[in-house]
Amino acid sequence: MPQIWPMNWVLLFTSFILLFLFFITLMYFFKNTIQLESQNNLLTNTKTISFNWKW
């Protein structure tokens, strides 16, 4: 019976670490996609604004 508790703690610890790493990677990728989308939107907006100014 005493061996169950350390194993439980090890499993909990590893599961929390894995969840934390998964969350960090998800946030990193989502942040990059949002930055890329905003940069593309800014580029298209400046292009349309410049075209509007030209015409």
PDB file of N, CA and C in Angstrom:
ATOM      1  N   MET A   1       0.810  -1.222   0.000  1.00  0.00           N
ATOM      2  CA  MET A   1       0.000   0.000   0.000  1.00  0.00           C
ATOM      3  C   MET A   1       0.849   1.280   0.000  1.00  0.00           C
ATOM      4  N   PRO A   2       1.952   1.369   0.712  1.00  0.00           N
ATOM      5  CA  PRO A   2       2.713   2.626   0.657  1.00  0.00           C
ATOM      6  C   PRO A   2       3.347   2.890  -0.698  1.00  0.00           C
ATOM      7  N   GLN A   3       3.508   1.875  -1.520  1.00  0.00           N
ATOM      8  CA  GLN A   3       4.137   2.104  -2.821  1.00  0.00           C
ATOM      9  C   GLN A   3       3.196   2.795  -3.800  1.00  0.00           C
ATOM     10  N   ILE A   4       1.914   2.744  -3.546  1.00  0.00           N
ATOM     11  CA  ILE A   4       0.965   3.363  -4.481  1.00  0.00           C
ATOM     12  C   ILE A   4       1.129   4.887  -4.462  1.00  0.00           C
ATOM     13  N   TRP A   5       1.379   5.468  -3.292  1.00  0.00           N
ATOM     14  CA  TRP A   5       1.417   6.919  -3.208  1.00  0.00           C
ATOM     15  C   TRP A   5       2.569   7.542  -3.990  1.00  0.00           C
ATOM     16  N   PRO A   6       3.791   7.046  -3.868  1.00  0.00           N
ATOM     17  CA  PRO A   6       4.848   7.650  -4.691  1.00  0.00           C
ATOM     18  C   PRO A   6       4.588   7.487  -6.181  1.00  0.00           C
ATOM     19  N   MET A   7       4.033   6.349  -6.557  1.00  0.00           N
ATOM     20  CA  MET A   7       3.724   6.169  -7.969  1.00  0.00           C
ATOM     21  C   MET A   7       2.646   7.163  -8.402  1.00  0.00           C
ATOM     22  N   ASN A   8       1.672   7.375  -7.561  1.00  0.00           N
ATOM     23  CA  ASN A   8       0.640   8.357  -7.881  1.00  0.00           C
ATOM     24  C   ASN A   8       1.255   9.742  -8.045  1.00  0.00           C
ATOM     25  N   TRP A   9       2.151  10.097  -7.151  1.00  0.00           N
ATOM     26  CA  TRP A   9       2.759  11.416  -7.244  1.00  0.00           C
ATOM     27  C   TRP A   9       3.610  11.541  -8.501  1.00  0.00           C
ATOM     28  N   VAL A  10       4.297  10.485  -8.846  1.00  0.00           N
ATOM     29  CA  VAL A  10       5.122  10.539 -10.058  1.00  0.00           C
ATOM     30  C   VAL A  10       4.235  10.692 -11.281  1.00  0.00           C
ATOM     31  N   LEU A  11       3.149   9.938 -11.317  1.00  0.00           N
ATOM     32  CA  LEU A  11       2.235  10.056 -12.459  1.00  0.00           C
ATOM     33  C   LEU A  11       1.611  11.446 -12.516  1.00  0.00           C
ATOM     34  N   LEU A  12       1.206  11.965 -11.386  1.00  0.00           N
ATOM     35  CA  LEU A  12       0.635  13.312 -11.374  1.00  0.00           C
ATOM     36  C   LEU A  12       1.663  14.348 -11.826  1.00  0.00           C
ATOM     37  N   PHE A  13       2.853  14.214 -11.331  1.00  0.00           N
ATOM     38  CA  PHE A  13       3.903  15.169 -11.685  1.00  0.00           C
ATOM     39  C   PHE A  13       4.182  15.137 -13.186  1.00  0.00           C
ATOM     40  N   THR A  14       4.340  13.940 -13.738  1.00  0.00           N
ATOM     41  CA  THR A  14       4.618  13.838 -15.180  1.00  0.00           C
ATOM     42  C   THR A  14       3.433  14.328 -16.009  1.00  0.00           C
ATOM     43  N   SER A  15       2.218  14.033 -15.563  1.00  0.00           N
ATOM     44  CA  SER A  15       1.054  14.498 -16.320  1.00  0.00           C
ATOM     45  C   SER A  15       0.972  16.021 -16.297  1.00  0.00           C
ATOM     46  N   PHE A  16       1.271  16.629 -15.153  1.00  0.00           N
ATOM     47  CA  PHE A  16       1.253  18.091 -15.094  1.00  0.00           C
ATOM     48  C   PHE A  16       2.343  18.697 -15.967  1.00  0.00           C
ATOM     49  N   ILE A  17       3.483  18.084 -15.970  1.00  0.00           N
ATOM     50  CA  ILE A  17       4.567  18.600 -16.813  1.00  0.00           C
ATOM     51  C   ILE A  17       4.191  18.495 -18.290  1.00  0.00           C
ATOM     52  N   LEU A  18       3.621  17.369 -18.669  1.00  0.00           N
ATOM     53  CA  LEU A  18       3.223  17.196 -20.066  1.00  0.00           C
ATOM     54  C   LEU A  18       2.127  18.188 -20.451  1.00  0.00           C
ATOM     55  N   LEU A  19       1.167  18.382 -19.577  1.00  0.00           N
ATOM     56  CA  LEU A  19       0.113  19.352 -19.869  1.00  0.00           C
ATOM     57  C   LEU A  19       0.682  20.764 -19.982  1.00  0.00           C
ATOM     58  N   PHE A  20       1.604  21.089 -19.119  1.00  0.00           N
ATOM     59  CA  PHE A  20       2.210  22.412 -19.151  1.00  0.00           C
ATOM     60  C   PHE A  20       2.983  22.628 -20.451  1.00  0.00           C
ATOM     61  N   LEU A  21       3.762  21.638 -20.847  1.00  0.00           N
ATOM     62  CA  LEU A  21       4.514  21.756 -22.098  1.00  0.00           C
ATOM     63  C   LEU A  21       3.574  21.857 -23.297  1.00  0.00           C
ATOM     64  N   PHE A  22       2.521  21.075 -23.277  1.00  0.00           N
ATOM     65  CA  PHE A  22       1.544  21.126 -24.363  1.00  0.00           C
ATOM     66  C   PHE A  22       0.907  22.509 -24.447  1.00  0.00           C
ATOM     67  N   PHE A  23       0.551  23.056 -23.305  1.00  0.00           N
ATOM     68  CA  PHE A  23      -0.055  24.381 -23.275  1.00  0.00           C
ATOM     69  C   PHE A  23       0.916  25.447 -23.783  1.00  0.00           C
ATOM     70  N   ILE A  24       2.170  25.347 -23.382  1.00  0.00           N
ATOM     71  CA  ILE A  24       3.174  26.327 -23.829  1.00  0.00           C
ATOM     72  C   ILE A  24       3.352  26.253 -25.342  1.00  0.00           C
ATOM     73  N   THR A  25       3.440  25.045 -25.880  1.00  0.00           N
ATOM     74  CA  THR A  25       3.616  24.927 -27.333  1.00  0.00           C
ATOM     75  C   THR A  25       2.390  25.453 -28.069  1.00  0.00           C
ATOM     76  N   LEU A  26       1.207  25.165 -27.554  1.00  0.00           N
ATOM     77  CA  LEU A  26      -0.001  25.684 -28.197  1.00  0.00           C
ATOM     78  C   LEU A  26      -0.008  27.207 -28.187  1.00  0.00           C
ATOM     79  N   MET A  27       0.312  27.802 -27.065  1.00  0.00           N
ATOM     80  CA  MET A  27       0.330  29.259 -26.996  1.00  0.00           C
ATOM     81  C   MET A  27       1.376  29.839 -27.945  1.00  0.00           C
ATOM     82  N   TYR A  28       2.513  29.192 -28.027  1.00  0.00           N
ATOM     83  CA  TYR A  28       3.567  29.683 -28.915  1.00  0.00           C
ATOM     84  C   TYR A  28       3.101  29.673 -30.370  1.00  0.00           C
ATOM     85  N   PHE A  29       2.502  28.553 -30.792  1.00  0.00           N
ATOM     86  CA  PHE A  29       2.068  28.466 -32.185  1.00  0.00           C
ATOM     87  C   PHE A  29       0.919  29.421 -32.459  1.00  0.00           C
ATOM     88  N   PHE A  30      -0.007  29.548 -31.520  1.00  0.00           N
ATOM     89  CA  PHE A  30      -1.124  30.464 -31.741  1.00  0.00           C
ATOM     90  C   PHE A  30      -0.638  31.904 -31.779  1.00  0.00           C
ATOM     91  N   LYS A  31       0.317  32.233 -30.948  1.00  0.00           N
ATOM     92  CA  LYS A  31       0.851  33.597 -30.960  1.00  0.00           C
ATOM     93  C   LYS A  31       1.517  33.888 -32.302  1.00  0.00           C
ATOM     94  N   ASN A  32       2.257  32.928 -32.824  1.00  0.00           N
ATOM     95  CA  ASN A  32       2.919  33.137 -34.112  1.00  0.00           C
ATOM     96  C   ASN A  32       1.905  33.290 -35.231  1.00  0.00           C
ATOM     97  N   THR A  33       0.860  32.479 -35.248  1.00  0.00           N
ATOM     98  CA  THR A  33      -0.137  32.593 -36.307  1.00  0.00           C
ATOM     99  C   THR A  33      -0.867  33.918 -36.206  1.00  0.00           C
ATOM    100  N   ILE A  34      -1.158  34.367 -34.992  1.00  0.00           N
ATOM    101  CA  ILE A  34      -1.844  35.650 -34.840  1.00  0.00           C
ATOM    102  C   ILE A  34      -0.942  36.781 -35.323  1.00  0.00           C
ATOM    103  N   GLN A  35       0.333  36.725 -34.983  1.00  0.00           N
ATOM    104  CA  GLN A  35       1.251  37.768 -35.440  1.00  0.00           C
ATOM    105  C   GLN A  35       1.344  37.766 -36.960  1.00  0.00           C
ATOM    106  N   LEU A  36       1.429  36.589 -37.568  1.00  0.00           N
ATOM    107  CA  LEU A  36       1.514  36.522 -39.021  1.00  0.00           C
ATOM    108  C   LEU A  36       0.241  37.063 -39.647  1.00  0.00           C
ATOM    109  N   GLU A  37      -0.925  36.719 -39.105  1.00  0.00           N
ATOM    110  CA  GLU A  37      -2.175  37.219 -39.662  1.00  0.00           C
ATOM    111  C   GLU A  37      -2.255  38.732 -39.543  1.00  0.00           C
ATOM    112  N   SER A  38      -1.855  39.268 -38.405  1.00  0.00           N
ATOM    113  CA  SER A  38      -1.915  40.717 -38.228  1.00  0.00           C
ATOM    114  C   SER A  38      -0.941  41.409 -39.184  1.00  0.00           C
ATOM    115  N   GLN A  39       0.233  40.832 -39.382  1.00  0.00           N
ATOM    116  CA  GLN A  39       1.183  41.431 -40.317  1.00  0.00           C
ATOM    117  C   GLN A  39       0.628  41.386 -41.737  1.00  0.00           C
ATOM    118  N   ASN A  40       0.003  40.278 -42.118  1.00  0.00           N
ATOM    119  CA  ASN A  40      -0.583  40.198 -43.450  1.00  0.00           C
ATOM    120  C   ASN A  40      -1.712  41.207 -43.596  1.00  0.00           C
ATOM    121  N   ASN A  41      -2.528  41.363 -42.584  1.00  0.00           N
ATOM    122  CA  ASN A  41      -3.603  42.341 -42.646  1.00  0.00           C
ATOM    123  C   ASN A  41      -3.037  43.751 -42.757  1.00  0.00           C
ATOM    124  N   LEU A  42      -1.991  44.025 -42.022  1.00  0.00           N
ATOM    125  CA  LEU A  42      -1.387  45.352 -42.117  1.00  0.00           C
ATOM    126  C   LEU A  42      -0.820  45.583 -43.512  1.00  0.00           C
ATOM    127  N   LEU A  43      -0.183  44.568 -44.070  1.00  0.00           N
ATOM    128  CA  LEU A  43       0.373  44.716 -45.414  1.00  0.00           C
ATOM    129  C   LEU A  43      -0.737  44.958 -46.428  1.00  0.00           C
ATOM    130  N   THR A  44      -1.823  44.204 -46.351  1.00  0.00           N
ATOM    131  CA  THR A  44      -2.915  44.397 -47.303  1.00  0.00           C
ATOM    132  C   THR A  44      -3.553  45.762 -47.094  1.00  0.00           C
ATOM    133  N   ASN A  45      -3.698  46.189 -45.844  1.00  0.00           N
ATOM    134  CA  ASN A  45      -4.291  47.498 -45.586  1.00  0.00           C
ATOM    135  C   ASN A  45      -3.416  48.609 -46.156  1.00  0.00           C
ATOM    136  N   THR A  46      -2.121  48.512 -45.977  1.00  0.00           N
ATOM    137  CA  THR A  46      -1.253  49.558 -46.510  1.00  0.00           C
ATOM    138  C   THR A  46      -1.281  49.535 -48.037  1.00  0.00           C
ATOM    139  N   LYS A  47      -1.360  48.340 -48.610  1.00  0.00           N
ATOM    140  CA  LYS A  47      -1.429  48.275 -50.074  1.00  0.00           C
ATOM    141  C   LYS A  47      -2.711  48.932 -50.576  1.00  0.00           C
ATOM    142  N   THR A  48      -3.835  48.606 -49.956  1.00  0.00           N
ATOM    143  CA  THR A  48      -5.091  49.192 -50.413  1.00  0.00           C
ATOM    144  C   THR A  48      -5.091  50.696 -50.174  1.00  0.00           C
ATOM    145  N   ILE A  49      -4.545  51.122 -49.050  1.00  0.00           N
ATOM    146  CA  ILE A  49      -4.511  52.562 -48.778  1.00  0.00           C
ATOM    147  C   ILE A  49      -3.626  53.264 -49.808  1.00  0.00           C
ATOM    148  N   SER A  50      -2.498  52.667 -50.115  1.00  0.00           N
ATOM    149  CA  SER A  50      -1.621  53.302 -51.088  1.00  0.00           C
ATOM    150  C   SER A  50      -2.290  53.326 -52.466  1.00  0.00           C
ATOM    151  N   PHE A  51      -2.981  52.251 -52.811  1.00  0.00           N
ATOM    152  CA  PHE A  51      -3.676  52.245 -54.097  1.00  0.00           C
ATOM    153  C   PHE A  51      -4.785  53.289 -54.104  1.00  0.00           C
ATOM    154  N   ASN A  52      -5.477  53.409 -52.985  1.00  0.00           N
ATOM    155  CA  ASN A  52      -6.522  54.420 -52.919  1.00  0.00           C
ATOM    156  C   ASN A  52      -5.920  55.813 -53.050  1.00  0.00           C
ATOM    157  N   TRP A  53      -4.778  56.022 -52.452  1.00  0.00           N
ATOM    158  CA  TRP A  53      -4.157  57.325 -52.578  1.00  0.00           C
ATOM    159  C   TRP A  53      -3.676  57.567 -54.006  1.00  0.00           C
ATOM    160  N   LYS A  54      -3.196  56.528 -54.645  1.00  0.00           N
ATOM    161  CA  LYS A  54      -2.743  56.713 -56.027  1.00  0.00           C
ATOM    162  C   LYS A  54      -3.918  57.053 -56.942  1.00  0.00           C
ATOM    163  N   TRP A  55      -4.996  56.329 -56.772  1.00  0.00           N
ATOM    164  CA  TRP A  55      -6.113  56.559 -57.690  1.00  0.00           C
ATOM    165  C   TRP A  55      -7.000  57.672 -57.152  1.00  0.00           C
TER     166      TRP A  55
END
